[in-house]
Amino acid sequence: MDAVYQDLSGKVVLITGGANGIGASMVESFCQQGAKVYFCDLDEAAGKKLAQSLSGRAGFRKLNLEREASIRSWVKQVGKMEGRIDVIINNAASDPRIEFESMTSKQWDDLFARNLRAYFLTVQSALPWLKKGASIVNFASITFHIGPTPMTAYVSTKGGIIGFTRSLARELGPKGIRVNTLSPGWIMTERQLKQFVDASVKKMIRKAQCMPELLQPAEIAQVAMFLASEASSALTGQEILADRGWSYS
């Protein structure tokens, strides 16, 4: 049974990368809690379809997170319209498999722009509307802890996110704003199942985790809602590993 967080009802929630996978599950889950959800994504077709399925309970905007002006415009629009922003879920990311020796500096810079700089821009743009009690959830990854190849640039961005969270929590703490990192394990999204996860990978995951059941997007959405709600009021500057014990084993 899904948890109910009554304090999320009516809260204004921003979610980046919300059209598919974990992001889409979070959009749906926060809407079920009665939150006012605004999400962005490059996938316009999927974003519009999801927004329509939620009957106006979520607002979608196509957004390229490499473009600073676009991020600031979107956040400002939501902030001015609602008068406040209560929750930011920095979820959007790209996870290319590129050999280190063949990676170009442009590929490196572009990935950091999508996976890390966009987090900074989203939060900074929202500061005028973040009040005491607001919660920021930055998505990192189990990959920071296990260092898979060939993903050096991606893992580096995720390490940066953890550092970003820790320092930002200190800076925003006096204002009553919490900042935490959520690091999922290998989640069985449609994209992962189509591109990367075959029978041998599933076997490897089950062996690596403390508990063998494969992780689903809805489970990560539940953790995100916990971190966004007052139920986690004692937590800030923390990394929550939602990986069924993979990094522990």
Protein backbone atom coordinates (compact mmCIF):
# COMPACT_ATOMS: atom_id res chain seq x y z
CA MET A 1 0.00 0.00 0.00
CA ASP A 2 1.35 3.43 -0.96
CA ALA A 3 2.09 5.84 1.86
CA VAL A 4 -0.09 8.91 2.32
CA TYR A 5 1.63 12.23 3.07
CA GLN A 6 -1.14 14.66 3.96
CA ASP A 7 1.29 17.57 4.18
CA LEU A 8 2.05 17.27 0.44
CA SER A 9 -1.51 18.19 -0.48
CA GLY A 10 -1.49 21.59 -2.16
CA LYS A 11 2.30 21.80 -2.19
CA VAL A 12 3.93 23.21 -5.35
CA VAL A 13 6.34 20.63 -6.73
CA LEU A 14 8.86 21.03 -9.56
CA ILE A 15 10.16 17.84 -11.21
CA THR A 16 12.78 17.80 -13.95
CA GLY A 17 12.84 14.91 -16.39
CA GLY A 18 9.28 13.95 -15.55
CA ALA A 19 7.95 12.48 -18.79
CA ASN A 20 9.27 8.93 -18.51
CA GLY A 21 10.61 6.32 -16.10
CA ILE A 22 11.21 7.36 -12.50
CA GLY A 23 10.26 10.94 -13.31
CA ALA A 24 6.83 9.99 -14.66
CA SER A 25 6.19 7.79 -11.64
CA MET A 26 7.02 10.73 -9.36
CA VAL A 27 4.71 13.06 -11.28
CA GLU A 28 1.87 10.58 -10.86
CA SER A 29 2.64 9.90 -7.20
CA PHE A 30 2.83 13.55 -6.15
CA CYS A 31 -0.41 14.24 -8.00
CA GLN A 32 -2.05 11.39 -6.08
CA GLN A 33 -1.00 13.17 -2.89
CA GLY A 34 -2.84 16.29 -4.03
CA ALA A 35 0.27 18.30 -4.88
CA LYS A 36 0.42 20.91 -7.64
CA VAL A 37 2.99 19.39 -9.97
CA TYR A 38 4.96 21.14 -12.69
CA PHE A 39 7.36 19.02 -14.72
CA CYS A 40 9.67 19.45 -17.67
CA ASP A 41 11.30 17.15 -20.19
CA LEU A 42 12.74 17.12 -23.70
CA ASP A 43 10.30 14.37 -24.68
CA GLU A 44 7.36 16.55 -25.64
CA ALA A 45 5.08 13.75 -26.81
CA ALA A 46 5.46 11.72 -23.61
CA GLY A 47 5.18 14.83 -21.43
CA LYS A 48 1.95 16.00 -23.03
CA LYS A 49 0.50 12.50 -22.89
CA LEU A 50 1.27 12.20 -19.17
CA ALA A 51 -0.14 15.64 -18.39
CA GLN A 52 -3.34 14.85 -20.28
CA SER A 53 -3.74 11.55 -18.44
CA LEU A 54 -3.66 13.46 -15.15
CA SER A 55 -6.58 15.67 -16.17
CA GLY A 56 -4.92 19.00 -15.55
CA ARG A 57 -3.37 18.11 -12.20
CA ALA A 58 0.16 18.51 -13.64
CA GLY A 59 1.61 21.17 -15.89
CA PHE A 60 4.16 20.17 -18.52
CA ARG A 61 6.77 22.22 -20.36
CA LYS A 62 9.23 21.02 -22.96
CA LEU A 63 12.64 22.12 -21.75
CA ASN A 64 16.27 21.73 -22.72
CA LEU A 65 18.17 21.74 -19.43
CA GLU A 66 21.37 22.78 -21.18
CA ARG A 67 19.83 26.21 -21.78
CA GLU A 68 20.09 28.50 -18.78
CA ALA A 69 17.50 31.01 -19.98
CA SER A 70 14.92 28.25 -20.49
CA ILE A 71 15.39 26.90 -16.97
CA ARG A 72 15.17 30.30 -15.35
CA SER A 73 12.10 31.23 -17.40
CA TRP A 74 10.25 28.03 -16.43
CA VAL A 75 11.02 28.30 -12.72
CA LYS A 76 10.15 32.01 -12.65
CA GLN A 77 6.85 31.36 -14.41
CA VAL A 78 5.84 28.74 -11.84
CA GLY A 79 7.05 30.83 -8.91
CA LYS A 80 5.18 33.96 -9.97
CA MET A 81 2.02 32.02 -10.78
CA GLU A 82 1.91 30.06 -7.50
CA GLY A 83 3.63 32.53 -5.20
CA ARG A 84 5.85 29.82 -3.75
CA ILE A 85 7.74 26.61 -4.56
CA ASP A 86 7.69 23.93 -1.87
CA VAL A 87 9.54 20.99 -3.42
CA ILE A 88 12.21 20.67 -6.10
CA ILE A 89 13.00 17.23 -7.50
CA ASN A 90 16.17 17.47 -9.60
CA ASN A 91 15.81 14.19 -11.46
CA ALA A 92 16.68 14.74 -15.13
CA ALA A 93 19.95 13.20 -16.29
CA SER A 94 21.66 11.50 -19.18
CA ASP A 95 23.68 8.31 -18.70
CA PRO A 96 25.69 7.65 -21.88
CA ARG A 97 28.16 4.80 -22.12
CA ILE A 98 31.30 6.40 -23.59
CA GLU A 99 34.83 5.06 -23.32
CA PHE A 100 37.03 7.56 -21.47
CA GLU A 101 39.79 7.53 -24.07
CA SER A 102 37.41 8.44 -26.88
CA MET A 103 35.29 11.00 -25.01
CA THR A 104 35.55 14.57 -26.27
CA SER A 105 35.71 17.62 -24.04
CA LYS A 106 32.41 18.77 -25.54
CA GLN A 107 30.72 15.51 -24.56
CA TRP A 108 32.13 15.91 -21.06
CA ASP A 109 30.98 19.54 -20.77
CA ASP A 110 27.54 18.82 -22.21
CA LEU A 111 26.97 16.00 -19.74
CA PHE A 112 27.95 18.17 -16.79
CA ALA A 113 25.61 20.87 -18.09
CA ARG A 114 22.67 18.45 -18.19
CA ASN A 115 23.44 16.43 -15.07
CA LEU A 116 24.88 18.98 -12.64
CA ARG A 117 24.75 22.59 -13.83
CA ALA A 118 21.00 22.27 -14.43
CA TYR A 119 20.53 21.34 -10.75
CA PHE A 120 22.34 24.50 -9.69
CA LEU A 121 20.33 26.68 -12.10
CA THR A 122 16.99 25.19 -11.07
CA VAL A 123 17.57 25.69 -7.35
CA GLN A 124 19.11 29.15 -7.70
CA SER A 125 16.24 30.30 -9.90
CA ALA A 126 13.73 29.05 -7.31
CA LEU A 127 15.32 30.74 -4.29
CA PRO A 128 12.93 33.75 -4.23
CA TRP A 129 10.00 31.33 -3.80
CA LEU A 130 11.55 28.77 -1.45
CA LYS A 131 10.36 29.30 2.11
CA LYS A 132 10.91 27.61 5.46
CA GLY A 133 9.88 23.97 5.20
CA ALA A 134 10.81 23.60 1.51
CA SER A 135 12.59 20.44 0.43
CA ILE A 136 15.07 19.85 -2.38
CA VAL A 137 15.76 16.30 -3.58
CA ASN A 138 18.75 15.86 -5.89
CA PHE A 139 19.03 12.56 -7.75
CA ALA A 140 22.45 10.92 -7.86
CA SER A 141 23.03 7.20 -8.43
CA ILE A 142 24.42 3.98 -7.04
CA THR A 143 27.02 4.26 -9.80
CA PHE A 144 28.94 6.76 -7.66
CA HIS A 145 29.55 3.96 -5.17
CA ILE A 146 30.29 1.07 -7.54
CA GLY A 147 32.07 2.92 -10.38
CA PRO A 148 30.86 0.99 -13.45
CA THR A 149 32.48 1.36 -16.86
CA PRO A 150 32.40 2.97 -19.36
CA MET A 151 30.64 5.73 -17.41
CA THR A 152 33.42 7.86 -15.92
CA ALA A 153 31.85 11.19 -16.92
CA TYR A 154 28.38 10.16 -15.71
CA VAL A 155 29.72 8.89 -12.38
CA SER A 156 31.66 12.14 -11.99
CA THR A 157 28.47 14.18 -12.37
CA LYS A 158 26.77 12.04 -9.74
CA GLY A 159 29.65 12.57 -7.34
CA GLY A 160 29.29 16.29 -7.96
CA ILE A 161 25.60 16.11 -7.08
CA ILE A 162 26.38 14.55 -3.71
CA GLY A 163 28.88 17.34 -2.98
CA PHE A 164 26.37 19.93 -4.18
CA THR A 165 23.77 18.55 -1.79
CA ARG A 166 26.05 18.47 1.24
CA SER A 167 27.23 22.06 0.90
CA LEU A 168 23.87 23.48 -0.17
CA ALA A 169 22.23 21.88 2.88
CA ARG A 170 24.60 23.92 5.09
CA GLU A 171 23.93 27.11 3.14
CA LEU A 172 20.13 26.84 3.05
CA GLY A 173 19.65 25.20 6.45
CA PRO A 174 19.39 28.50 8.37
CA LYS A 175 16.44 29.38 6.12
CA GLY A 176 14.66 26.16 7.06
CA ILE A 177 15.19 24.57 3.64
CA ARG A 178 16.27 20.93 3.50
CA VAL A 179 18.46 19.40 0.78
CA ASN A 180 19.00 15.65 0.34
CA THR A 181 20.32 13.25 -2.28
CA LEU A 182 18.39 10.23 -3.51
CA SER A 183 20.59 7.61 -5.16
CA PRO A 184 18.62 4.81 -6.83
CA GLY A 185 19.99 1.42 -7.68
CA TRP A 186 19.35 -0.08 -11.12
CA ILE A 187 15.68 0.66 -11.76
CA MET A 188 13.58 -1.33 -14.21
CA THR A 189 12.33 1.54 -16.34
CA GLU A 190 11.09 0.93 -19.87
CA ARG A 191 14.27 2.46 -21.30
CA GLN A 192 16.61 0.40 -19.14
CA LEU A 193 14.76 -2.81 -20.00
CA LYS A 194 14.86 -1.99 -23.69
CA GLN A 195 18.47 -0.84 -23.97
CA PHE A 196 20.54 -2.39 -21.19
CA VAL A 197 18.81 -5.00 -19.04
CA ASP A 198 18.73 -8.56 -20.36
CA ALA A 199 18.48 -11.87 -18.51
CA SER A 200 22.19 -11.89 -17.59
CA VAL A 201 22.02 -8.34 -16.20
CA LYS A 202 18.96 -9.23 -14.11
CA LYS A 203 20.86 -12.18 -12.71
CA MET A 204 23.82 -9.96 -11.84
CA ILE A 205 21.59 -7.38 -10.14
CA ARG A 206 19.80 -9.99 -8.04
CA LYS A 207 23.15 -11.39 -6.90
CA ALA A 208 24.58 -7.94 -6.07
CA GLN A 209 21.61 -6.72 -4.03
CA CYS A 210 20.93 -7.85 -0.46
CA MET A 211 17.35 -8.51 -1.55
CA PRO A 212 16.91 -10.00 -5.02
CA GLU A 213 13.68 -8.31 -6.15
CA LEU A 214 14.26 -5.89 -9.02
CA LEU A 215 13.55 -2.25 -8.24
CA GLN A 216 10.60 -0.50 -9.90
CA PRO A 217 10.13 3.25 -10.61
CA ALA A 218 7.16 3.53 -8.23
CA GLU A 219 9.35 2.47 -5.32
CA ILE A 220 11.75 5.34 -5.95
CA ALA A 221 8.80 7.73 -6.18
CA GLN A 222 7.80 6.64 -2.67
CA VAL A 223 11.27 7.50 -1.33
CA ALA A 224 11.18 10.87 -3.10
CA MET A 225 7.84 11.71 -1.49
CA PHE A 226 9.19 10.77 1.93
CA LEU A 227 12.14 13.14 1.45
CA ALA A 228 9.81 15.87 0.22
CA SER A 229 7.38 15.53 3.12
CA GLU A 230 7.56 16.59 6.75
CA ALA A 231 8.00 12.91 7.64
CA SER A 232 11.70 13.42 6.87
CA SER A 233 12.03 16.77 8.67
CA ALA A 234 15.10 15.52 10.59
CA LEU A 235 17.01 14.77 7.38
CA THR A 236 19.16 17.22 5.46
CA GLY A 237 22.54 16.94 3.76
CA GLN A 238 22.03 13.18 3.53
CA GLU A 239 22.31 10.63 0.75
CA ILE A 240 19.59 7.99 0.73
CA LEU A 241 20.62 4.88 -1.22
CA ALA A 242 17.50 3.16 -2.56
CA ASP A 243 19.26 0.13 -4.01
CA ARG A 244 18.06 -2.90 -2.03
CA GLY A 245 21.45 -3.03 -0.35
CA TRP A 246 23.62 -3.31 -3.47
CA SER A 247 26.24 -0.82 -2.29
CA TYR A 248 26.21 -2.42 1.16
CA SER A 249 26.84 -5.99 -0.02
